[in-house]
């Protein structure tokens, strides 16, 4: 007679992803939609933008995703990046996905997130500016 074995479900924490964008967010939408699959290993926990009126922020907000935005105009790169860094850390982010984020990040910012930033935008700035 076969022995019955009870297997407990193991809960594995999903990787917490931040998505940075500057526009309508088509890549962000694809990442969010993919994250809804039960076996997806990540969850989008925050969407951030350097453009407070970016259409992608409105869509993310409608989906119940936390959003953060701040225009860097007039405040300078270091204070802007410090505020962005604080927002990402407050959201306990594991990975940052640059999905159409059209700002260059400083070496200092990148160094604070070693191996945790992925550029999924179809072009590399500043050499290739992308769609527009």
N, C-alpha and C. Protein backbone atom coordinates (compact mmCIF):
# COMPACT_ATOMS: atom_id res chain seq x y z
N UNK A 1 0.84 -1.17 0.00
CA UNK A 1 0.00 0.00 0.00
C UNK A 1 0.89 1.24 0.00
N UNK A 2 0.57 2.20 -0.85
CA UNK A 2 1.37 3.42 -0.97
C UNK A 2 1.15 4.31 0.25
N UNK A 3 2.23 4.89 0.67
CA UNK A 3 2.16 5.80 1.82
C UNK A 3 1.74 7.18 1.34
N UNK A 4 0.81 7.77 2.06
CA UNK A 4 0.39 9.13 1.72
C UNK A 4 1.40 10.11 2.31
N UNK A 5 1.83 11.04 1.46
CA UNK A 5 2.79 12.04 1.90
C UNK A 5 2.14 13.40 1.78
N UNK A 6 2.17 14.12 2.84
CA UNK A 6 1.61 15.47 2.84
C UNK A 6 2.73 16.46 2.54
N UNK A 7 2.51 17.28 1.55
CA UNK A 7 3.51 18.27 1.17
C UNK A 7 2.96 19.65 1.51
N UNK A 8 3.66 20.35 2.36
CA UNK A 8 3.24 21.70 2.72
C UNK A 8 3.64 22.67 1.62
N UNK A 9 2.77 23.63 1.38
CA UNK A 9 3.11 24.66 0.41
C UNK A 9 4.16 25.57 1.02
N UNK A 10 5.18 25.84 0.24
CA UNK A 10 6.24 26.72 0.69
C UNK A 10 6.02 28.09 0.05
N UNK A 11 5.94 29.09 0.86
CA UNK A 11 5.75 30.44 0.35
C UNK A 11 7.11 31.06 0.09
N UNK A 12 7.33 31.44 -1.15
CA UNK A 12 8.58 32.07 -1.53
C UNK A 12 8.28 33.53 -1.82
N UNK A 13 9.06 34.41 -1.21
CA UNK A 13 8.85 35.83 -1.43
C UNK A 13 9.20 36.20 -2.86
N UNK A 14 8.38 37.01 -3.46
CA UNK A 14 8.63 37.46 -4.82
C UNK A 14 9.65 38.60 -4.80
N UNK A 15 10.41 38.70 -5.86
CA UNK A 15 11.35 39.80 -6.02
C UNK A 15 10.54 41.09 -6.17
N UNK A 16 10.92 42.10 -5.41
CA UNK A 16 10.21 43.38 -5.41
C UNK A 16 10.84 44.31 -6.45
N UNK A 17 10.06 44.64 -7.47
CA UNK A 17 10.56 45.40 -8.61
C UNK A 17 10.01 46.82 -8.62
N UNK A 18 10.91 47.76 -8.88
CA UNK A 18 10.53 49.15 -9.16
C UNK A 18 10.69 49.36 -10.65
N UNK A 19 9.77 50.08 -11.25
CA UNK A 19 9.87 50.41 -12.66
C UNK A 19 9.99 51.92 -12.79
N UNK A 20 11.04 52.37 -13.48
CA UNK A 20 11.25 53.78 -13.74
C UNK A 20 10.88 54.05 -15.19
N UNK A 21 10.08 55.08 -15.41
CA UNK A 21 9.65 55.43 -16.76
C UNK A 21 9.58 56.93 -16.91
N UNK A 22 9.49 57.36 -18.15
CA UNK A 22 9.36 58.80 -18.44
C UNK A 22 8.18 59.11 -19.34
N UNK A 23 7.49 58.09 -19.83
CA UNK A 23 6.42 58.33 -20.81
C UNK A 23 5.18 57.52 -20.55
N UNK A 24 4.67 56.93 -21.62
CA UNK A 24 3.37 56.24 -21.53
C UNK A 24 3.46 54.90 -20.82
N UNK A 25 4.62 54.28 -20.78
CA UNK A 25 4.78 53.08 -19.98
C UNK A 25 4.40 51.77 -20.63
N UNK A 26 4.56 51.65 -21.94
CA UNK A 26 4.17 50.39 -22.59
C UNK A 26 4.99 49.21 -22.07
N UNK A 27 6.28 49.40 -21.84
CA UNK A 27 7.08 48.30 -21.28
C UNK A 27 6.67 48.02 -19.84
N UNK A 28 6.36 49.05 -19.09
CA UNK A 28 5.90 48.88 -17.71
C UNK A 28 4.60 48.07 -17.69
N UNK A 29 3.68 48.40 -18.60
CA UNK A 29 2.41 47.66 -18.66
C UNK A 29 2.64 46.18 -18.91
N UNK A 30 3.57 45.88 -19.80
CA UNK A 30 3.88 44.47 -20.10
C UNK A 30 4.45 43.78 -18.87
N UNK A 31 5.32 44.45 -18.13
CA UNK A 31 5.90 43.86 -16.91
C UNK A 31 4.83 43.65 -15.85
N UNK A 32 3.95 44.63 -15.68
CA UNK A 32 2.88 44.50 -14.69
C UNK A 32 1.94 43.37 -15.07
N UNK A 33 1.53 43.33 -16.32
CA UNK A 33 0.62 42.26 -16.76
C UNK A 33 1.26 40.89 -16.58
N UNK A 34 2.53 40.75 -16.89
CA UNK A 34 3.22 39.46 -16.70
C UNK A 34 3.30 39.10 -15.23
N UNK A 35 3.42 40.09 -14.37
CA UNK A 35 3.55 39.82 -12.93
C UNK A 35 2.29 39.24 -12.33
N UNK A 36 1.20 39.31 -13.04
CA UNK A 36 -0.08 38.80 -12.53
C UNK A 36 -0.21 37.29 -12.65
N UNK A 37 0.69 36.67 -13.39
CA UNK A 37 0.67 35.21 -13.50
C UNK A 37 1.06 34.62 -12.15
N UNK A 38 0.37 33.58 -11.75
CA UNK A 38 0.62 32.98 -10.44
C UNK A 38 2.04 32.52 -10.22
N UNK A 39 2.71 32.10 -11.28
CA UNK A 39 4.07 31.59 -11.12
C UNK A 39 5.14 32.64 -11.41
N UNK A 40 4.74 33.89 -11.56
CA UNK A 40 5.71 34.96 -11.83
C UNK A 40 6.57 35.19 -10.58
N UNK A 41 7.89 35.27 -10.74
CA UNK A 41 8.76 35.39 -9.58
C UNK A 41 8.92 36.81 -9.04
N UNK A 42 8.23 37.78 -9.64
CA UNK A 42 8.39 39.15 -9.17
C UNK A 42 7.03 39.84 -9.01
N UNK A 43 7.08 40.93 -8.24
CA UNK A 43 5.90 41.80 -8.07
C UNK A 43 6.36 43.24 -8.27
N UNK A 44 5.60 44.00 -9.01
CA UNK A 44 5.90 45.41 -9.20
C UNK A 44 5.35 46.15 -7.99
N UNK A 45 6.24 46.78 -7.22
CA UNK A 45 5.82 47.41 -5.97
C UNK A 45 5.77 48.93 -6.06
N UNK A 46 6.42 49.50 -7.07
CA UNK A 46 6.38 50.95 -7.24
C UNK A 46 6.75 51.30 -8.68
N UNK A 47 6.11 52.33 -9.18
CA UNK A 47 6.44 52.90 -10.49
C UNK A 47 6.85 54.34 -10.22
N UNK A 48 8.00 54.74 -10.73
CA UNK A 48 8.53 56.07 -10.48
C UNK A 48 8.85 56.77 -11.80
N UNK A 49 8.75 58.09 -11.76
CA UNK A 49 9.01 58.86 -12.97
C UNK A 49 9.61 60.22 -12.66
N UNK A 50 10.40 60.70 -13.61
CA UNK A 50 10.94 62.05 -13.55
C UNK A 50 9.97 63.06 -14.16
N UNK A 51 8.86 62.57 -14.66
CA UNK A 51 7.83 63.41 -15.29
C UNK A 51 6.50 63.17 -14.59
N UNK A 52 6.11 64.08 -13.68
CA UNK A 52 4.87 63.87 -12.93
C UNK A 52 3.62 63.66 -13.79
N UNK A 53 3.62 64.16 -15.03
CA UNK A 53 2.46 63.98 -15.90
C UNK A 53 2.60 62.79 -16.84
N UNK A 54 3.58 61.92 -16.62
CA UNK A 54 3.78 60.75 -17.49
C UNK A 54 2.52 59.88 -17.48
N UNK A 55 1.99 59.57 -18.66
CA UNK A 55 0.78 58.75 -18.73
C UNK A 55 0.91 57.39 -18.04
N UNK A 56 2.10 56.83 -18.02
CA UNK A 56 2.30 55.53 -17.38
C UNK A 56 1.99 55.56 -15.89
N UNK A 57 2.21 56.69 -15.24
CA UNK A 57 1.90 56.81 -13.81
C UNK A 57 0.40 56.67 -13.56
N UNK A 58 -0.40 57.28 -14.42
CA UNK A 58 -1.86 57.19 -14.25
C UNK A 58 -2.32 55.74 -14.38
N UNK A 59 -1.79 55.02 -15.38
CA UNK A 59 -2.17 53.63 -15.57
C UNK A 59 -1.76 52.79 -14.36
N UNK A 60 -0.52 52.99 -13.89
CA UNK A 60 -0.04 52.22 -12.73
C UNK A 60 -0.90 52.50 -11.50
N UNK A 61 -1.25 53.75 -11.30
CA UNK A 61 -2.10 54.11 -10.16
C UNK A 61 -3.46 53.43 -10.26
N UNK A 62 -4.04 53.39 -11.47
CA UNK A 62 -5.31 52.71 -11.68
C UNK A 62 -5.22 51.22 -11.36
N UNK A 63 -4.02 50.66 -11.50
CA UNK A 63 -3.81 49.24 -11.20
C UNK A 63 -3.53 48.99 -9.72
N UNK A 64 -3.50 50.05 -8.93
CA UNK A 64 -3.26 49.91 -7.50
C UNK A 64 -1.79 49.82 -7.13
N UNK A 65 -0.93 50.24 -8.03
CA UNK A 65 0.51 50.20 -7.78
C UNK A 65 0.94 51.55 -7.21
N UNK A 66 1.78 51.53 -6.20
CA UNK A 66 2.30 52.77 -5.63
C UNK A 66 3.08 53.53 -6.70
N UNK A 67 2.92 54.83 -6.71
CA UNK A 67 3.61 55.67 -7.69
C UNK A 67 4.37 56.79 -6.98
N UNK A 68 5.47 57.19 -7.59
CA UNK A 68 6.29 58.30 -7.09
C UNK A 68 6.74 59.09 -8.29
N UNK A 69 6.71 60.41 -8.18
CA UNK A 69 7.25 61.24 -9.25
C UNK A 69 7.77 62.54 -8.68
N UNK A 70 8.77 63.05 -9.38
CA UNK A 70 9.36 64.33 -9.02
C UNK A 70 10.08 64.84 -10.25
N UNK A 71 9.82 66.08 -10.59
CA UNK A 71 10.55 66.68 -11.70
C UNK A 71 11.92 67.12 -11.19
N UNK A 72 12.98 66.77 -11.91
CA UNK A 72 14.32 67.17 -11.48
C UNK A 72 14.65 68.62 -11.83
N UNK A 73 13.77 69.27 -12.56
CA UNK A 73 14.04 70.64 -13.00
C UNK A 73 14.18 71.57 -11.80
N UNK A 74 15.28 72.28 -11.78
CA UNK A 74 15.52 73.27 -10.74
C UNK A 74 16.04 72.76 -9.42
N UNK A 75 16.17 71.43 -9.26
CA UNK A 75 16.68 70.93 -7.98
C UNK A 75 18.05 70.28 -8.11
N UNK A 76 18.47 69.98 -9.31
CA UNK A 76 19.79 69.38 -9.52
C UNK A 76 19.75 67.87 -9.40
N UNK A 77 20.72 67.24 -10.02
CA UNK A 77 20.78 65.77 -10.08
C UNK A 77 20.96 65.11 -8.71
N UNK A 78 21.93 65.56 -7.87
CA UNK A 78 22.10 64.87 -6.58
C UNK A 78 20.86 64.89 -5.68
N UNK A 79 20.18 66.03 -5.51
CA UNK A 79 18.96 65.98 -4.67
C UNK A 79 17.84 65.15 -5.30
N UNK A 80 17.71 65.22 -6.62
CA UNK A 80 16.69 64.42 -7.29
C UNK A 80 16.96 62.94 -7.06
N UNK A 81 18.20 62.51 -7.31
CA UNK A 81 18.53 61.09 -7.14
C UNK A 81 18.44 60.65 -5.69
N UNK A 82 18.74 61.54 -4.75
CA UNK A 82 18.58 61.19 -3.33
C UNK A 82 17.12 60.93 -3.00
N UNK A 83 16.23 61.76 -3.53
CA UNK A 83 14.79 61.56 -3.30
C UNK A 83 14.30 60.27 -3.95
N UNK A 84 14.76 60.01 -5.18
CA UNK A 84 14.40 58.77 -5.87
C UNK A 84 14.90 57.56 -5.09
N UNK A 85 16.15 57.61 -4.67
CA UNK A 85 16.74 56.51 -3.89
C UNK A 85 15.93 56.25 -2.62
N UNK A 86 15.54 57.32 -1.92
CA UNK A 86 14.76 57.17 -0.69
C UNK A 86 13.41 56.51 -0.98
N UNK A 87 12.76 56.91 -2.06
CA UNK A 87 11.46 56.32 -2.41
C UNK A 87 11.61 54.83 -2.71
N UNK A 88 12.66 54.47 -3.43
CA UNK A 88 12.88 53.06 -3.77
C UNK A 88 13.20 52.24 -2.52
N UNK A 89 14.00 52.79 -1.64
CA UNK A 89 14.33 52.08 -0.40
C UNK A 89 13.12 51.97 0.52
N UNK A 90 12.29 53.01 0.56
CA UNK A 90 11.06 52.96 1.37
C UNK A 90 10.13 51.85 0.87
N UNK A 91 10.19 51.56 -0.43
CA UNK A 91 9.37 50.50 -1.02
C UNK A 91 10.05 49.13 -0.94
N UNK A 92 11.20 49.06 -0.30
CA UNK A 92 11.96 47.80 -0.14
C UNK A 92 12.20 47.11 -1.47
N UNK A 93 12.66 47.87 -2.44
CA UNK A 93 12.89 47.37 -3.79
C UNK A 93 14.12 46.46 -3.84
N UNK A 94 14.01 45.38 -4.61
CA UNK A 94 15.13 44.48 -4.86
C UNK A 94 15.80 44.78 -6.21
N UNK A 95 14.98 45.09 -7.21
CA UNK A 95 15.45 45.29 -8.59
C UNK A 95 14.80 46.55 -9.15
N UNK A 96 15.58 47.31 -9.92
CA UNK A 96 15.06 48.48 -10.61
C UNK A 96 15.07 48.19 -12.11
N UNK A 97 13.91 48.31 -12.75
CA UNK A 97 13.80 48.14 -14.20
C UNK A 97 13.64 49.52 -14.83
N UNK A 98 14.59 49.88 -15.68
CA UNK A 98 14.50 51.14 -16.43
C UNK A 98 13.71 50.82 -17.69
N UNK A 99 12.47 51.26 -17.71
CA UNK A 99 11.56 50.92 -18.81
C UNK A 99 11.13 52.20 -19.51
N UNK A 100 12.01 52.72 -20.35
CA UNK A 100 11.72 53.98 -21.01
C UNK A 100 12.01 55.17 -20.11
N UNK A 101 12.92 54.99 -19.19
CA UNK A 101 13.35 56.08 -18.31
C UNK A 101 14.41 56.87 -19.06
N UNK A 102 14.12 58.10 -19.37
CA UNK A 102 14.94 58.87 -20.29
C UNK A 102 15.99 59.76 -19.63
N UNK A 103 16.30 59.52 -18.40
CA UNK A 103 17.36 60.28 -17.71
C UNK A 103 18.58 59.40 -17.53
N UNK A 104 19.73 60.03 -17.61
CA UNK A 104 20.97 59.32 -17.29
C UNK A 104 21.13 59.29 -15.78
N UNK A 105 21.40 58.12 -15.25
CA UNK A 105 21.64 57.98 -13.81
C UNK A 105 23.13 58.20 -13.55
N UNK A 106 23.44 58.86 -12.46
CA UNK A 106 24.83 59.13 -12.12
C UNK A 106 25.54 57.84 -11.70
N UNK A 107 26.85 57.86 -11.80
CA UNK A 107 27.65 56.73 -11.33
C UNK A 107 27.39 56.46 -9.85
N UNK A 108 27.18 57.52 -9.08
CA UNK A 108 26.93 57.38 -7.63
C UNK A 108 25.61 56.65 -7.37
N UNK A 109 24.57 57.00 -8.12
CA UNK A 109 23.29 56.33 -7.94
C UNK A 109 23.42 54.85 -8.31
N UNK A 110 24.02 54.58 -9.44
CA UNK A 110 24.18 53.19 -9.90
C UNK A 110 24.99 52.39 -8.88
N UNK A 111 26.01 53.00 -8.30
CA UNK A 111 26.85 52.30 -7.31
C UNK A 111 26.07 51.93 -6.05
N UNK A 112 25.01 52.67 -5.75
CA UNK A 112 24.18 52.35 -4.57
C UNK A 112 23.27 51.15 -4.82
N UNK A 113 23.14 50.73 -6.10
CA UNK A 113 22.28 49.61 -6.47
C UNK A 113 23.08 48.60 -7.31
N UNK A 114 24.17 48.07 -6.76
CA UNK A 114 25.04 47.20 -7.57
C UNK A 114 24.34 45.92 -8.03
N UNK A 115 24.37 45.69 -9.33
CA UNK A 115 23.76 44.48 -9.89
C UNK A 115 22.25 44.43 -9.77
N UNK A 116 21.61 45.56 -9.47
CA UNK A 116 20.18 45.57 -9.23
C UNK A 116 19.41 46.46 -10.23
N UNK A 117 20.09 46.96 -11.25
CA UNK A 117 19.44 47.82 -12.23
C UNK A 117 19.48 47.13 -13.59
N UNK A 118 18.30 47.05 -14.21
CA UNK A 118 18.19 46.43 -15.53
C UNK A 118 17.59 47.47 -16.47
N UNK A 119 18.27 47.73 -17.59
CA UNK A 119 17.75 48.65 -18.60
C UNK A 119 17.03 47.83 -19.66
N UNK A 120 15.70 47.94 -19.69
CA UNK A 120 14.95 47.19 -20.70
C UNK A 120 14.51 48.09 -21.85
N UNK A 121 14.89 49.35 -21.78
CA UNK A 121 14.55 50.27 -22.86
C UNK A 121 15.27 49.82 -24.13
N UNK A 122 14.63 49.97 -25.28
CA UNK A 122 15.24 49.45 -26.51
C UNK A 122 16.44 50.25 -27.01
N UNK A 123 16.84 51.29 -26.30
CA UNK A 123 18.03 52.03 -26.73
C UNK A 123 18.88 52.37 -25.52
N UNK A 124 20.12 52.66 -25.78
CA UNK A 124 21.06 53.05 -24.73
C UNK A 124 21.34 54.55 -24.86
N UNK A 125 21.10 55.24 -23.76
CA UNK A 125 21.35 56.69 -23.76
C UNK A 125 22.81 56.94 -23.40
N UNK A 126 23.41 57.99 -23.86
CA UNK A 126 22.87 59.04 -24.71
C UNK A 126 23.09 58.77 -26.21
N UNK A 127 23.82 57.72 -26.57
CA UNK A 127 24.14 57.48 -27.97
C UNK A 127 22.90 57.27 -28.82
N UNK A 128 21.95 56.47 -28.32
CA UNK A 128 20.71 56.17 -29.07
C UNK A 128 19.54 56.71 -28.28
N UNK A 129 18.90 57.73 -28.76
CA UNK A 129 17.87 58.42 -27.99
C UNK A 129 16.51 57.76 -28.01
N UNK A 130 16.32 56.72 -28.80
CA UNK A 130 15.03 56.04 -28.80
C UNK A 130 14.05 56.64 -29.78
N UNK A 131 12.77 56.47 -29.50
CA UNK A 131 11.70 56.82 -30.41
C UNK A 131 11.75 58.27 -30.87
N UNK A 132 11.86 59.20 -29.93
CA UNK A 132 11.82 60.62 -30.29
C UNK A 132 13.18 61.27 -30.10
